[in-house]
Amino acid sequence: MEPKFRLVPEEIPAISKATVYERIFDEFIAGKASTARVEYNKKPATLHQGLLKAKRQIPRFSQVSVVRRGDAIYLKK
């Protein structure tokens, strides 16, 4: 007897954290400040890597620099 299964065509949902990083970038770009420290309830290394990944994957964020100084993460236009 063959096992029964089915394949359902479906897009893979985006990771919810990615949308948080996108919102951080979008708010920074829309704001007037040329630099800003990012406060988010994550470890600094996690926040830094998440922002860098979003920057690499989304072309409109290429104009923004992500800088880490100790445990502080900054964005710079």
N, C-alpha and C. Protein backbone atom coordinates (compact mmCIF):
# COMPACT_ATOMS: atom_id res chain seq x y z
N MET A 1 0.85 -1.18 0.00
CA MET A 1 0.00 0.00 0.00
C MET A 1 0.89 1.25 0.00
N GLU A 2 0.62 2.17 -0.89
CA GLU A 2 1.40 3.40 -0.98
C GLU A 2 0.93 4.43 0.05
N PRO A 3 1.88 5.17 0.65
CA PRO A 3 1.45 6.22 1.59
C PRO A 3 0.73 7.32 0.83
N LYS A 4 -0.27 7.89 1.46
CA LYS A 4 -1.04 8.97 0.83
C LYS A 4 -0.47 10.32 1.28
N PHE A 5 -0.23 11.15 0.31
CA PHE A 5 0.23 12.50 0.60
C PHE A 5 -0.23 13.40 -0.53
N ARG A 6 -0.07 14.69 -0.31
CA ARG A 6 -0.38 15.66 -1.36
C ARG A 6 0.56 16.83 -1.23
N LEU A 7 0.82 17.45 -2.34
CA LEU A 7 1.65 18.65 -2.37
C LEU A 7 0.75 19.84 -2.66
N VAL A 8 0.84 20.85 -1.82
CA VAL A 8 0.00 22.03 -1.96
C VAL A 8 0.88 23.20 -2.39
N PRO A 9 0.70 23.72 -3.61
CA PRO A 9 1.50 24.87 -4.03
C PRO A 9 1.19 26.09 -3.15
N GLU A 10 2.23 26.63 -2.56
CA GLU A 10 2.03 27.75 -1.64
C GLU A 10 3.36 28.48 -1.45
N GLU A 11 3.29 29.80 -1.35
CA GLU A 11 4.47 30.61 -1.08
C GLU A 11 4.89 30.42 0.37
N ILE A 12 6.19 30.48 0.61
CA ILE A 12 6.69 30.39 1.97
C ILE A 12 6.46 31.73 2.64
N PRO A 13 5.82 31.76 3.82
CA PRO A 13 5.56 33.03 4.50
C PRO A 13 6.87 33.69 4.95
N ALA A 14 6.87 34.99 4.96
CA ALA A 14 8.03 35.74 5.42
C ALA A 14 8.20 35.57 6.92
N ILE A 15 9.42 35.65 7.37
CA ILE A 15 9.70 35.59 8.80
C ILE A 15 9.24 36.90 9.41
N SER A 16 8.52 36.83 10.51
CA SER A 16 7.96 38.04 11.09
C SER A 16 9.04 39.03 11.54
N LYS A 17 10.21 38.53 11.96
CA LYS A 17 11.28 39.44 12.38
C LYS A 17 11.75 40.30 11.22
N ALA A 18 11.74 39.74 10.03
CA ALA A 18 12.18 40.51 8.88
C ALA A 18 11.33 41.76 8.71
N THR A 19 10.03 41.65 8.95
CA THR A 19 9.17 42.81 8.80
C THR A 19 9.48 43.87 9.87
N VAL A 20 9.91 43.44 11.03
CA VAL A 20 10.29 44.41 12.07
C VAL A 20 11.50 45.20 11.61
N TYR A 21 12.49 44.52 11.04
CA TYR A 21 13.68 45.21 10.56
C TYR A 21 13.33 46.14 9.40
N GLU A 22 12.43 45.73 8.55
CA GLU A 22 11.97 46.60 7.46
C GLU A 22 11.31 47.85 8.01
N ARG A 23 10.48 47.68 9.03
CA ARG A 23 9.81 48.85 9.62
C ARG A 23 10.82 49.79 10.25
N ILE A 24 11.87 49.24 10.87
CA ILE A 24 12.91 50.08 11.47
C ILE A 24 13.57 50.92 10.38
N PHE A 25 13.96 50.27 9.27
CA PHE A 25 14.58 51.01 8.16
C PHE A 25 13.63 52.04 7.57
N ASP A 26 12.38 51.64 7.32
CA ASP A 26 11.42 52.57 6.72
C ASP A 26 11.20 53.80 7.58
N GLU A 27 11.06 53.59 8.89
CA GLU A 27 10.85 54.74 9.79
C GLU A 27 12.08 55.64 9.81
N PHE A 28 13.27 55.04 9.80
CA PHE A 28 14.49 55.84 9.80
C PHE A 28 14.61 56.65 8.51
N ILE A 29 14.37 56.02 7.38
CA ILE A 29 14.48 56.72 6.09
C ILE A 29 13.47 57.86 6.00
N ALA A 30 12.27 57.64 6.54
CA ALA A 30 11.23 58.67 6.48
C ALA A 30 11.51 59.82 7.45
N GLY A 31 12.30 59.57 8.48
CA GLY A 31 12.58 60.61 9.48
C GLY A 31 13.61 61.61 9.00
N LYS A 32 13.81 62.65 9.81
CA LYS A 32 14.72 63.73 9.45
C LYS A 32 16.14 63.53 9.98
N ALA A 33 16.31 62.66 10.97
CA ALA A 33 17.64 62.47 11.57
C ALA A 33 18.59 61.79 10.59
N SER A 34 19.86 62.22 10.63
CA SER A 34 20.85 61.58 9.75
C SER A 34 21.48 60.36 10.42
N THR A 35 21.42 60.30 11.75
CA THR A 35 21.86 59.13 12.49
C THR A 35 20.87 58.85 13.61
N ALA A 36 20.76 57.59 13.99
CA ALA A 36 19.87 57.23 15.09
C ALA A 36 20.33 55.92 15.71
N ARG A 37 20.21 55.82 17.03
CA ARG A 37 20.48 54.58 17.74
C ARG A 37 19.20 53.76 17.74
N VAL A 38 19.34 52.47 17.48
CA VAL A 38 18.18 51.58 17.41
C VAL A 38 18.01 50.89 18.76
N GLU A 39 16.84 51.04 19.37
CA GLU A 39 16.51 50.33 20.60
C GLU A 39 15.45 49.30 20.27
N TYR A 40 15.77 48.04 20.54
CA TYR A 40 14.85 46.95 20.26
C TYR A 40 15.16 45.84 21.25
N ASN A 41 14.16 45.14 21.73
CA ASN A 41 14.32 44.15 22.78
C ASN A 41 14.94 42.85 22.25
N LYS A 42 16.15 42.96 21.71
CA LYS A 42 16.90 41.81 21.21
C LYS A 42 18.36 42.00 21.61
N LYS A 43 19.11 40.91 21.60
CA LYS A 43 20.54 41.02 21.85
C LYS A 43 21.17 41.88 20.75
N PRO A 44 22.19 42.66 21.09
CA PRO A 44 22.82 43.53 20.09
C PRO A 44 23.29 42.77 18.85
N ALA A 45 23.87 41.59 19.03
CA ALA A 45 24.35 40.81 17.88
C ALA A 45 23.19 40.39 16.98
N THR A 46 22.08 40.00 17.58
CA THR A 46 20.90 39.59 16.82
C THR A 46 20.33 40.76 16.04
N LEU A 47 20.21 41.90 16.69
CA LEU A 47 19.69 43.10 16.04
C LEU A 47 20.60 43.52 14.89
N HIS A 48 21.89 43.53 15.12
CA HIS A 48 22.86 43.92 14.10
C HIS A 48 22.77 43.01 12.89
N GLN A 49 22.77 41.70 13.11
CA GLN A 49 22.70 40.76 12.00
C GLN A 49 21.37 40.85 11.26
N GLY A 50 20.27 41.05 11.98
CA GLY A 50 18.96 41.19 11.34
C GLY A 50 18.89 42.41 10.44
N LEU A 51 19.44 43.52 10.92
CA LEU A 51 19.46 44.74 10.11
C LEU A 51 20.35 44.59 8.88
N LEU A 52 21.52 43.97 9.07
CA LEU A 52 22.41 43.75 7.93
C LEU A 52 21.78 42.85 6.87
N LYS A 53 21.09 41.82 7.32
CA LYS A 53 20.43 40.91 6.38
C LYS A 53 19.34 41.63 5.61
N ALA A 54 18.53 42.42 6.30
CA ALA A 54 17.47 43.18 5.64
C ALA A 54 18.08 44.16 4.63
N LYS A 55 19.19 44.78 5.00
CA LYS A 55 19.86 45.72 4.10
C LYS A 55 20.35 45.02 2.83
N ARG A 56 20.91 43.82 2.98
CA ARG A 56 21.40 43.07 1.82
C ARG A 56 20.27 42.61 0.91
N GLN A 57 19.14 42.26 1.50
CA GLN A 57 18.04 41.68 0.73
C GLN A 57 17.12 42.70 0.09
N ILE A 58 17.07 43.91 0.61
CA ILE A 58 16.11 44.89 0.13
C ILE A 58 16.87 46.11 -0.41
N PRO A 59 16.88 46.28 -1.73
CA PRO A 59 17.69 47.33 -2.36
C PRO A 59 17.43 48.75 -1.85
N ARG A 60 16.21 49.07 -1.46
CA ARG A 60 15.93 50.45 -1.04
C ARG A 60 16.63 50.82 0.27
N PHE A 61 17.18 49.85 0.98
CA PHE A 61 17.90 50.13 2.23
C PHE A 61 19.41 50.28 2.02
N SER A 62 19.87 50.18 0.78
CA SER A 62 21.31 50.21 0.52
C SER A 62 21.94 51.55 0.89
N GLN A 63 21.15 52.62 0.93
CA GLN A 63 21.67 53.95 1.26
C GLN A 63 21.94 54.11 2.75
N VAL A 64 21.49 53.19 3.58
CA VAL A 64 21.63 53.30 5.03
C VAL A 64 22.78 52.43 5.52
N SER A 65 23.63 53.00 6.38
CA SER A 65 24.72 52.24 7.01
C SER A 65 24.25 51.73 8.36
N VAL A 66 24.66 50.51 8.68
CA VAL A 66 24.37 49.91 9.99
C VAL A 66 25.71 49.82 10.71
N VAL A 67 25.79 50.46 11.89
CA VAL A 67 27.05 50.56 12.62
C VAL A 67 26.84 50.02 14.03
N ARG A 68 27.78 49.18 14.47
CA ARG A 68 27.72 48.67 15.84
C ARG A 68 28.90 49.21 16.62
N ARG A 69 28.61 49.80 17.76
CA ARG A 69 29.63 50.29 18.69
C ARG A 69 29.32 49.67 20.04
N GLY A 70 30.08 48.64 20.40
CA GLY A 70 29.80 47.92 21.63
C GLY A 70 28.45 47.25 21.54
N ASP A 71 27.56 47.57 22.46
CA ASP A 71 26.22 47.01 22.46
C ASP A 71 25.19 47.93 21.82
N ALA A 72 25.64 49.04 21.24
CA ALA A 72 24.73 49.99 20.61
C ALA A 72 24.77 49.82 19.09
N ILE A 73 23.58 49.85 18.47
CA ILE A 73 23.45 49.74 17.02
C ILE A 73 22.91 51.06 16.49
N TYR A 74 23.55 51.60 15.47
CA TYR A 74 23.17 52.87 14.88
C TYR A 74 22.85 52.73 13.39
N LEU A 75 21.97 53.58 12.92
CA LEU A 75 21.71 53.71 11.50
C LEU A 75 22.18 55.08 11.06
N LYS A 76 22.75 55.15 9.87
CA LYS A 76 23.28 56.42 9.35
C LYS A 76 22.90 56.55 7.89
N LYS A 77 22.38 57.74 7.54
CA LYS A 77 22.03 58.02 6.14
C LYS A 77 23.25 58.45 5.38
